[in-house]
Amino acid sequence: MARWLGIAGGNGAMAIGFAAYGAHGLAPQAAALVERASQFQLLHAVALLALARMGGEGGRLLSSARILMVVGVVAFSGSLYLKALGLTLPLPMITPFGGITLLLSWLLLVIAGFSKEWI
């Protein structure tokens, strides 16, 4: 649980830091990318915080959802941060990959909510 709490806190702090930087230090088009990335990152930091609170409950489904959420945030928000800073993306199509990964993490939570593993 402590590791996931730390990951959630780190994501929240990074989202707030990037949001402040985007609001005060970037051109409008880049600031819009940072705003979107930080919103997604902060939202998922809160979700990770809730999942961390559950600890080991939920078994493999929740564990997989947590991992997919972190991968999705790194890919989606990270790629938008790189674009905003004018850097080249390491992989083509990494932003949509991150979005799909985030979507899959939420779908695993839906499955966990209705599965016998969770009940």
C-alpha atoms as a PDB file:
ATOM      1  CA  MET A   1       0.000   0.000   0.000  1.00  0.00           C
ATOM      2  CA  ALA A   2       2.780   2.463   0.872  1.00  0.00           C
ATOM      3  CA  ARG A   3       4.363   2.158  -2.574  1.00  0.00           C
ATOM      4  CA  TRP A   4       1.062   2.953  -4.307  1.00  0.00           C
ATOM      5  CA  LEU A   5       0.446   5.834  -1.920  1.00  0.00           C
ATOM      6  CA  GLY A   6       3.854   7.223  -2.914  1.00  0.00           C
ATOM      7  CA  ILE A   7       3.103   6.778  -6.623  1.00  0.00           C
ATOM      8  CA  ALA A   8      -0.249   8.553  -6.197  1.00  0.00           C
ATOM      9  CA  GLY A   9       1.389  11.399  -4.279  1.00  0.00           C
ATOM     10  CA  GLY A  10       4.163  11.737  -6.837  1.00  0.00           C
ATOM     11  CA  ASN A  11       1.632  11.923  -9.654  1.00  0.00           C
ATOM     12  CA  GLY A  12      -0.378  14.566  -7.811  1.00  0.00           C
ATOM     13  CA  ALA A  13       2.684  16.688  -7.081  1.00  0.00           C
ATOM     14  CA  MET A  14       3.925  16.414 -10.668  1.00  0.00           C
ATOM     15  CA  ALA A  15       0.506  17.368 -12.044  1.00  0.00           C
ATOM     16  CA  ILE A  16       0.327  20.468  -9.848  1.00  0.00           C
ATOM     17  CA  GLY A  17       3.902  21.448 -10.732  1.00  0.00           C
ATOM     18  CA  PHE A  18       3.331  21.095 -14.465  1.00  0.00           C
ATOM     19  CA  ALA A  19      -0.005  22.940 -14.240  1.00  0.00           C
ATOM     20  CA  ALA A  20       1.675  25.883 -12.526  1.00  0.00           C
ATOM     21  CA  TYR A  21       4.498  25.911 -15.050  1.00  0.00           C
ATOM     22  CA  GLY A  22       2.049  25.722 -17.943  1.00  0.00           C
ATOM     23  CA  ALA A  23      -0.035  28.580 -16.572  1.00  0.00           C
ATOM     24  CA  HIS A  24       2.935  30.884 -16.083  1.00  0.00           C
ATOM     25  CA  GLY A  25       5.762  29.821 -18.353  1.00  0.00           C
ATOM     26  CA  LEU A  26       4.484  28.550 -21.696  1.00  0.00           C
ATOM     27  CA  ALA A  27       2.936  29.862 -24.896  1.00  0.00           C
ATOM     28  CA  PRO A  28      -0.860  29.425 -25.096  1.00  0.00           C
ATOM     29  CA  GLN A  29      -0.810  26.360 -27.379  1.00  0.00           C
ATOM     30  CA  ALA A  30       1.754  24.569 -25.204  1.00  0.00           C
ATOM     31  CA  ALA A  31      -0.088  25.660 -22.053  1.00  0.00           C
ATOM     32  CA  ALA A  32      -3.256  23.986 -23.369  1.00  0.00           C
ATOM     33  CA  LEU A  33      -1.380  20.675 -23.771  1.00  0.00           C
ATOM     34  CA  VAL A  34       0.047  20.941 -20.250  1.00  0.00           C
ATOM     35  CA  GLU A  35      -3.372  21.796 -18.862  1.00  0.00           C
ATOM     36  CA  ARG A  36      -4.918  18.673 -20.421  1.00  0.00           C
ATOM     37  CA  ALA A  37      -2.011  16.458 -19.335  1.00  0.00           C
ATOM     38  CA  SER A  38      -2.029  17.744 -15.755  1.00  0.00           C
ATOM     39  CA  GLN A  39      -5.823  17.331 -15.481  1.00  0.00           C
ATOM     40  CA  PHE A  40      -5.589  13.697 -16.556  1.00  0.00           C
ATOM     41  CA  GLN A  41      -2.597  13.081 -14.310  1.00  0.00           C
ATOM     42  CA  LEU A  42      -4.256  14.638 -11.270  1.00  0.00           C
ATOM     43  CA  LEU A  43      -7.512  12.753 -11.842  1.00  0.00           C
ATOM     44  CA  HIS A  44      -5.633   9.471 -12.024  1.00  0.00           C
ATOM     45  CA  ALA A  45      -3.511  10.380  -8.990  1.00  0.00           C
ATOM     46  CA  VAL A  46      -6.744  10.546  -6.986  1.00  0.00           C
ATOM     47  CA  ALA A  47      -7.895   7.229  -8.471  1.00  0.00           C
ATOM     48  CA  LEU A  48      -4.537   5.665  -7.572  1.00  0.00           C
ATOM     49  CA  LEU A  49      -4.915   7.050  -4.063  1.00  0.00           C
ATOM     50  CA  ALA A  50      -8.274   5.280  -3.727  1.00  0.00           C
ATOM     51  CA  LEU A  51      -6.806   2.069  -5.128  1.00  0.00           C
ATOM     52  CA  ALA A  52      -3.853   2.343  -2.733  1.00  0.00           C
ATOM     53  CA  ARG A  53      -6.312   2.624   0.149  1.00  0.00           C
ATOM     54  CA  MET A  54      -7.824  -0.707  -0.888  1.00  0.00           C
ATOM     55  CA  GLY A  55      -4.454  -2.373  -0.468  1.00  0.00           C
ATOM     56  CA  GLY A  56      -4.461  -6.001  -1.565  1.00  0.00           C
ATOM     57  CA  GLU A  57      -8.257  -6.204  -1.842  1.00  0.00           C
ATOM     58  CA  GLY A  58      -9.546  -7.095  -5.267  1.00  0.00           C
ATOM     59  CA  GLY A  59      -6.659  -9.314  -6.235  1.00  0.00           C
ATOM     60  CA  ARG A  60      -5.263  -9.358  -9.743  1.00  0.00           C
ATOM     61  CA  LEU A  61      -7.917  -7.125 -11.293  1.00  0.00           C
ATOM     62  CA  LEU A  62      -7.197  -4.135  -9.065  1.00  0.00           C
ATOM     63  CA  SER A  63      -3.472  -4.780  -9.214  1.00  0.00           C
ATOM     64  CA  SER A  64      -3.628  -4.792 -13.008  1.00  0.00           C
ATOM     65  CA  ALA A  65      -5.794  -1.648 -13.009  1.00  0.00           C
ATOM     66  CA  ARG A  66      -3.205   0.182 -10.879  1.00  0.00           C
ATOM     67  CA  ILE A  67      -0.366  -0.825 -13.184  1.00  0.00           C
ATOM     68  CA  LEU A  68      -2.303   0.114 -16.332  1.00  0.00           C
ATOM     69  CA  MET A  69      -3.209   3.462 -14.774  1.00  0.00           C
ATOM     70  CA  VAL A  70       0.439   4.320 -14.116  1.00  0.00           C
ATOM     71  CA  VAL A  71       1.515   3.187 -17.591  1.00  0.00           C
ATOM     72  CA  GLY A  72      -1.339   5.185 -19.111  1.00  0.00           C
ATOM     73  CA  VAL A  73      -0.468   8.353 -17.214  1.00  0.00           C
ATOM     74  CA  VAL A  74       3.192   8.086 -18.175  1.00  0.00           C
ATOM     75  CA  ALA A  75       2.330   7.523 -21.839  1.00  0.00           C
ATOM     76  CA  PHE A  76      -0.565   9.984 -22.169  1.00  0.00           C
ATOM     77  CA  SER A  77       0.385  12.850 -19.886  1.00  0.00           C
ATOM     78  CA  GLY A  78       4.104  12.342 -20.421  1.00  0.00           C
ATOM     79  CA  SER A  79       3.760  12.575 -24.182  1.00  0.00           C
ATOM     80  CA  LEU A  80       1.685  15.755 -23.911  1.00  0.00           C
ATOM     81  CA  TYR A  81       4.299  17.282 -21.600  1.00  0.00           C
ATOM     82  CA  LEU A  82       7.015  16.403 -24.124  1.00  0.00           C
ATOM     83  CA  LYS A  83       4.998  17.949 -26.970  1.00  0.00           C
ATOM     84  CA  ALA A  84       4.414  21.110 -24.928  1.00  0.00           C
ATOM     85  CA  LEU A  85       8.133  21.423 -24.278  1.00  0.00           C
ATOM     86  CA  GLY A  86       8.862  21.023 -27.996  1.00  0.00           C
ATOM     87  CA  LEU A  87      10.574  17.665 -27.592  1.00  0.00           C
ATOM     88  CA  THR A  88      10.277  14.690 -29.919  1.00  0.00           C
ATOM     89  CA  LEU A  89       8.077  11.815 -28.795  1.00  0.00           C
ATOM     90  CA  PRO A  90      10.028   8.600 -28.192  1.00  0.00           C
ATOM     91  CA  LEU A  91       7.415   6.436 -29.949  1.00  0.00           C
ATOM     92  CA  PRO A  92       4.815   7.264 -32.572  1.00  0.00           C
ATOM     93  CA  MET A  93       1.208   7.016 -31.372  1.00  0.00           C
ATOM     94  CA  ILE A  94       2.244   6.981 -27.697  1.00  0.00           C
ATOM     95  CA  THR A  95      -0.445   9.508 -26.735  1.00  0.00           C
ATOM     96  CA  PRO A  96      -3.385   7.397 -27.975  1.00  0.00           C
ATOM     97  CA  PHE A  97      -1.709   4.298 -26.520  1.00  0.00           C
ATOM     98  CA  GLY A  98      -1.710   6.052 -23.149  1.00  0.00           C
ATOM     99  CA  GLY A  99      -5.363   7.011 -23.511  1.00  0.00           C
ATOM    100  CA  ILE A 100      -6.365   3.461 -24.399  1.00  0.00           C
ATOM    101  CA  THR A 101      -4.341   2.137 -21.468  1.00  0.00           C
ATOM    102  CA  LEU A 102      -6.157   4.518 -19.112  1.00  0.00           C
ATOM    103  CA  LEU A 103      -9.488   3.387 -20.546  1.00  0.00           C
ATOM    104  CA  LEU A 104      -8.523  -0.259 -20.004  1.00  0.00           C
ATOM    105  CA  SER A 105      -7.598   0.470 -16.376  1.00  0.00           C
ATOM    106  CA  TRP A 106     -11.085   1.859 -15.764  1.00  0.00           C
ATOM    107  CA  LEU A 107     -12.699  -1.093 -17.529  1.00  0.00           C
ATOM    108  CA  LEU A 108     -10.798  -3.442 -15.219  1.00  0.00           C
ATOM    109  CA  LEU A 109     -12.367  -1.586 -12.297  1.00  0.00           C
ATOM    110  CA  VAL A 110     -15.798  -2.195 -13.814  1.00  0.00           C
ATOM    111  CA  ILE A 111     -15.005  -5.897 -14.157  1.00  0.00           C
ATOM    112  CA  ALA A 112     -13.623  -6.005 -10.616  1.00  0.00           C
ATOM    113  CA  GLY A 113     -16.827  -4.460  -9.314  1.00  0.00           C
ATOM    114  CA  PHE A 114     -18.907  -7.274 -10.759  1.00  0.00           C
ATOM    115  CA  SER A 115     -16.532 -10.213 -10.373  1.00  0.00           C
ATOM    116  CA  LYS A 116     -16.536 -12.961  -7.777  1.00  0.00           C
ATOM    117  CA  GLU A 117     -12.880 -12.158  -7.111  1.00  0.00           C
ATOM    118  CA  TRP A 118     -13.939  -8.846  -5.579  1.00  0.00           C
ATOM    119  CA  ILE A 119     -17.101  -9.978  -3.730  1.00  0.00           C
END
